[in-house]
């Protein structure tokens, strides 16, 4: 390849010779203002759709809690809005620890 090519010669080599396209004039249509009548679109009355109650996954966690070591324990239930039983258990234990010193996990059930 010759490194001394001009830009025009490179364009000619890549794209070929430029041939002028024949332009055909489109017939011009003049619309009179009387033919065009502005109309307002018919608006249907809006019907509000009620949002369906979204299903919220819930798990019920049962715990035994107490404030005395090897003392009286009571059963407490906690409802968690999650599908993960591990997250539900952690959330229930965390909430129970705010009030009780000893927390024992019993079960997780789907509601």
C-alpha atoms as a PDB file:
ATOM      1  CA  UNK A   1       0.000   0.000   0.000  1.00  0.00           C
ATOM      2  CA  UNK A   2       1.253   3.409  -0.891  1.00  0.00           C
ATOM      3  CA  UNK A   3       1.673   5.592   2.233  1.00  0.00           C
ATOM      4  CA  UNK A   4       1.472   8.791   0.168  1.00  0.00           C
ATOM      5  CA  UNK A   5      -2.234   8.530  -0.686  1.00  0.00           C
ATOM      6  CA  UNK A   6      -4.390  11.563  -0.183  1.00  0.00           C
ATOM      7  CA  UNK A   7      -7.625  11.485   1.712  1.00  0.00           C
ATOM      8  CA  UNK A   8      -9.636  11.687  -1.499  1.00  0.00           C
ATOM      9  CA  UNK A   9      -7.776   8.733  -3.012  1.00  0.00           C
ATOM     10  CA  UNK A  10      -8.382   6.671   0.167  1.00  0.00           C
ATOM     11  CA  UNK A  11     -12.096   7.456   0.055  1.00  0.00           C
ATOM     12  CA  UNK A  12     -12.178   6.466  -3.610  1.00  0.00           C
ATOM     13  CA  UNK A  13     -10.399   3.177  -2.804  1.00  0.00           C
ATOM     14  CA  UNK A  14     -12.763   2.342   0.065  1.00  0.00           C
ATOM     15  CA  UNK A  15     -16.111   3.506  -1.213  1.00  0.00           C
ATOM     16  CA  UNK A  16     -15.698   3.689  -4.974  1.00  0.00           C
ATOM     17  CA  UNK A  17     -16.673   6.596  -7.129  1.00  0.00           C
ATOM     18  CA  UNK A  18     -19.421   8.796  -5.877  1.00  0.00           C
ATOM     19  CA  UNK A  19     -22.304   8.895  -8.282  1.00  0.00           C
ATOM     20  CA  UNK A  20     -24.863  11.629  -7.847  1.00  0.00           C
ATOM     21  CA  UNK A  21     -28.270  10.279  -6.961  1.00  0.00           C
ATOM     22  CA  UNK A  22     -31.220  11.394  -8.959  1.00  0.00           C
ATOM     23  CA  UNK A  23     -33.550  13.311  -6.735  1.00  0.00           C
ATOM     24  CA  UNK A  24     -37.195  12.968  -7.556  1.00  0.00           C
ATOM     25  CA  UNK A  25     -39.340  15.789  -6.320  1.00  0.00           C
ATOM     26  CA  UNK A  26     -42.319  14.543  -4.376  1.00  0.00           C
ATOM     27  CA  UNK A  27     -45.606  16.090  -5.406  1.00  0.00           C
ATOM     28  CA  UNK A  28     -46.520  18.717  -2.915  1.00  0.00           C
ATOM     29  CA  UNK A  29     -49.946  18.384  -1.424  1.00  0.00           C
ATOM     30  CA  UNK A  30     -51.507  21.468  -0.004  1.00  0.00           C
ATOM     31  CA  UNK A  31     -54.178  20.848   2.536  1.00  0.00           C
ATOM     32  CA  UNK A  32     -56.680  23.564   2.981  1.00  0.00           C
ATOM     33  CA  UNK A  33     -57.439  24.667   6.483  1.00  0.00           C
ATOM     34  CA  UNK A  34     -61.088  23.842   5.976  1.00  0.00           C
ATOM     35  CA  UNK A  35     -60.373  20.164   5.376  1.00  0.00           C
ATOM     36  CA  UNK A  36     -58.505  19.769   8.654  1.00  0.00           C
ATOM     37  CA  UNK A  37     -60.904  19.952  11.582  1.00  0.00           C
ATOM     38  CA  UNK A  38     -59.406  19.743  15.055  1.00  0.00           C
ATOM     39  CA  UNK A  39     -61.232  17.234  17.190  1.00  0.00           C
ATOM     40  CA  UNK A  40     -60.884  16.539  20.860  1.00  0.00           C
ATOM     41  CA  UNK A  41     -60.244  12.929  21.701  1.00  0.00           C
ATOM     42  CA  UNK A  42     -62.987  11.165  23.592  1.00  0.00           C
ATOM     43  CA  UNK A  43     -61.763  10.456  27.093  1.00  0.00           C
ATOM     44  CA  UNK A  44     -63.213   7.408  28.787  1.00  0.00           C
ATOM     45  CA  UNK A  45     -63.968   7.841  32.474  1.00  0.00           C
ATOM     46  CA  UNK A  46     -61.101   6.640  34.598  1.00  0.00           C
ATOM     47  CA  UNK A  47     -61.822   3.515  36.573  1.00  0.00           C
ATOM     48  CA  UNK A  48     -59.680   3.215  39.649  1.00  0.00           C
ATOM     49  CA  UNK A  49     -58.306  -0.233  40.083  1.00  0.00           C
ATOM     50  CA  UNK A  50     -58.098  -1.401  43.618  1.00  0.00           C
ATOM     51  CA  UNK A  51     -54.748  -2.728  44.582  1.00  0.00           C
ATOM     52  CA  UNK A  52     -55.026  -6.380  45.390  1.00  0.00           C
ATOM     53  CA  UNK A  53     -53.788  -7.308  48.800  1.00  0.00           C
ATOM     54  CA  UNK A  54     -50.257  -8.376  48.286  1.00  0.00           C
ATOM     55  CA  UNK A  55     -49.461 -11.699  49.859  1.00  0.00           C
ATOM     56  CA  UNK A  56     -46.992 -11.182  52.626  1.00  0.00           C
ATOM     57  CA  UNK A  57     -45.072 -14.302  53.556  1.00  0.00           C
ATOM     58  CA  UNK A  58     -45.162 -14.804  57.281  1.00  0.00           C
ATOM     59  CA  UNK A  59     -43.530 -17.247  59.629  1.00  0.00           C
ATOM     60  CA  UNK A  60     -44.456 -17.830  63.251  1.00  0.00           C
ATOM     61  CA  UNK A  61     -41.485 -18.445  65.536  1.00  0.00           C
ATOM     62  CA  UNK A  62     -42.001 -20.017  68.951  1.00  0.00           C
ATOM     63  CA  UNK A  63     -39.468 -19.310  71.706  1.00  0.00           C
ATOM     64  CA  UNK A  64     -39.089 -20.171  75.390  1.00  0.00           C
ATOM     65  CA  UNK A  65     -37.871 -17.162  77.326  1.00  0.00           C
ATOM     66  CA  UNK A  66     -37.077 -16.304  80.927  1.00  0.00           C
ATOM     67  CA  UNK A  67     -34.973 -14.084  83.170  1.00  0.00           C
ATOM     68  CA  UNK A  68     -33.771 -16.760  85.625  1.00  0.00           C
ATOM     69  CA  UNK A  69     -31.162 -19.417  84.853  1.00  0.00           C
ATOM     70  CA  UNK A  70     -32.916 -22.822  84.846  1.00  0.00           C
ATOM     71  CA  UNK A  71     -35.955 -21.073  86.235  1.00  0.00           C
ATOM     72  CA  UNK A  72     -39.493 -20.529  85.016  1.00  0.00           C
ATOM     73  CA  UNK A  73     -39.689 -20.273  81.197  1.00  0.00           C
ATOM     74  CA  UNK A  74     -42.649 -18.997  79.217  1.00  0.00           C
ATOM     75  CA  UNK A  75     -43.459 -19.553  75.541  1.00  0.00           C
ATOM     76  CA  UNK A  76     -43.538 -16.514  73.299  1.00  0.00           C
ATOM     77  CA  UNK A  77     -44.492 -16.360  69.612  1.00  0.00           C
ATOM     78  CA  UNK A  78     -43.082 -13.905  67.116  1.00  0.00           C
ATOM     79  CA  UNK A  79     -44.377 -13.297  63.566  1.00  0.00           C
ATOM     80  CA  UNK A  80     -41.770 -12.484  60.922  1.00  0.00           C
ATOM     81  CA  UNK A  81     -42.464 -11.152  57.409  1.00  0.00           C
ATOM     82  CA  UNK A  82     -39.984 -13.296  55.538  1.00  0.00           C
ATOM     83  CA  UNK A  83     -39.684 -16.658  53.836  1.00  0.00           C
ATOM     84  CA  UNK A  84     -36.324 -17.440  55.382  1.00  0.00           C
ATOM     85  CA  UNK A  85     -36.645 -19.463  58.556  1.00  0.00           C
ATOM     86  CA  UNK A  86     -33.113 -18.490  59.592  1.00  0.00           C
ATOM     87  CA  UNK A  87     -33.853 -14.773  59.292  1.00  0.00           C
ATOM     88  CA  UNK A  88     -37.163 -15.256  61.120  1.00  0.00           C
ATOM     89  CA  UNK A  89     -35.375 -17.058  63.967  1.00  0.00           C
ATOM     90  CA  UNK A  90     -32.682 -14.385  64.236  1.00  0.00           C
ATOM     91  CA  UNK A  91     -35.261 -11.597  64.213  1.00  0.00           C
ATOM     92  CA  UNK A  92     -37.332 -13.295  66.948  1.00  0.00           C
ATOM     93  CA  UNK A  93     -34.317 -13.959  69.168  1.00  0.00           C
ATOM     94  CA  UNK A  94     -33.130 -10.379  68.744  1.00  0.00           C
ATOM     95  CA  UNK A  95     -36.553  -9.029  69.747  1.00  0.00           C
ATOM     96  CA  UNK A  96     -36.797 -11.396  72.728  1.00  0.00           C
ATOM     97  CA  UNK A  97     -33.309 -10.495  74.024  1.00  0.00           C
ATOM     98  CA  UNK A  98     -34.476  -6.904  74.563  1.00  0.00           C
ATOM     99  CA  UNK A  99     -36.811  -8.093  77.338  1.00  0.00           C
ATOM    100  CA  UNK A 100     -35.523 -11.494  78.444  1.00  0.00           C
ATOM    101  CA  UNK A 101     -32.079 -12.716  79.418  1.00  0.00           C
ATOM    102  CA  UNK A 102     -32.401 -16.378  78.390  1.00  0.00           C
ATOM    103  CA  UNK A 103     -33.915 -17.315  75.044  1.00  0.00           C
ATOM    104  CA  UNK A 104     -34.405 -20.840  73.706  1.00  0.00           C
ATOM    105  CA  UNK A 105     -35.595 -21.479  70.175  1.00  0.00           C
ATOM    106  CA  UNK A 106     -38.481 -23.986  69.806  1.00  0.00           C
ATOM    107  CA  UNK A 107     -39.908 -23.958  66.263  1.00  0.00           C
ATOM    108  CA  UNK A 108     -40.663 -22.071  63.041  1.00  0.00           C
ATOM    109  CA  UNK A 109     -43.992 -22.572  61.252  1.00  0.00           C
ATOM    110  CA  UNK A 110     -45.443 -21.083  58.105  1.00  0.00           C
ATOM    111  CA  UNK A 111     -48.673 -19.148  58.501  1.00  0.00           C
END
